[in-house]
Amino acid sequence: MQGLGHSMLSLDINHSAMEFALAVVSHVAALLALTLIDLPLLVLSILALLIGFSLWHYSLSAMPGNDSRVLSVLIRSTDCVLRYRATELAVSLPRAEYYSEFLLVLVFRVSDSNSGRCIRLNLLPDSLSEDHDRCLRRLLRFDCHN
C-alpha cells in the first residue's frame, strides 16, 4: 500500500466472504418465500430455477479469477485506475454514494466514455485490510471533494 503522500493510494480489494454469505442467504430466503405463495407448481418451479440461476450467476461473477472483478484501485490526485485481472480502466475520483461503518458504495465515472457510464464498487468490512480501509475513509472524508 502506498500512503497518502503525493496524493496516491493503492487499494487491494479482497474477495468478500460477507458479501457471498449475504447473497446465499438472500437467495435461500427467496426460495423459502416461494413455499408461502399459492401458485401452480409449474410457475413455482420456474421461479425456483430462476432464483437458482441467479445464485449460480452471482457465484461465477464473484469468483476471484473472474475478469469483471476489480482487484485493486489506484487513487491518484486527479483520477483513478481500476485494475482487473486482464485490464486497467481510467476512471474519475470516487464519489461515496453510501458511507457507513459496514458498507461503502463508491461510484467511479469512466473517463474515456461520453455516455456517462459509471462503475459502482461495494466494499464491505472484509473487502479491504484495516489499513486500506482507514486510508480510504480518510481520503473520502477529507481529500475527495466531488
Foldseek 3Di string as FASTA:
>chain_A
DDACVQHKDKFFFDLDPVVLVVLVVVLVVVLVVLVVDPDDPVVNVVVNVVSVVVNVVVVVCSDPQHQVDFGMKMGHQFWIWTDGPPDIFTWGHWAFPDDDPAKTWTWTFGDVDPVRDIDIDIDGPPGGDPVSVVRVVCCNVPPDDD
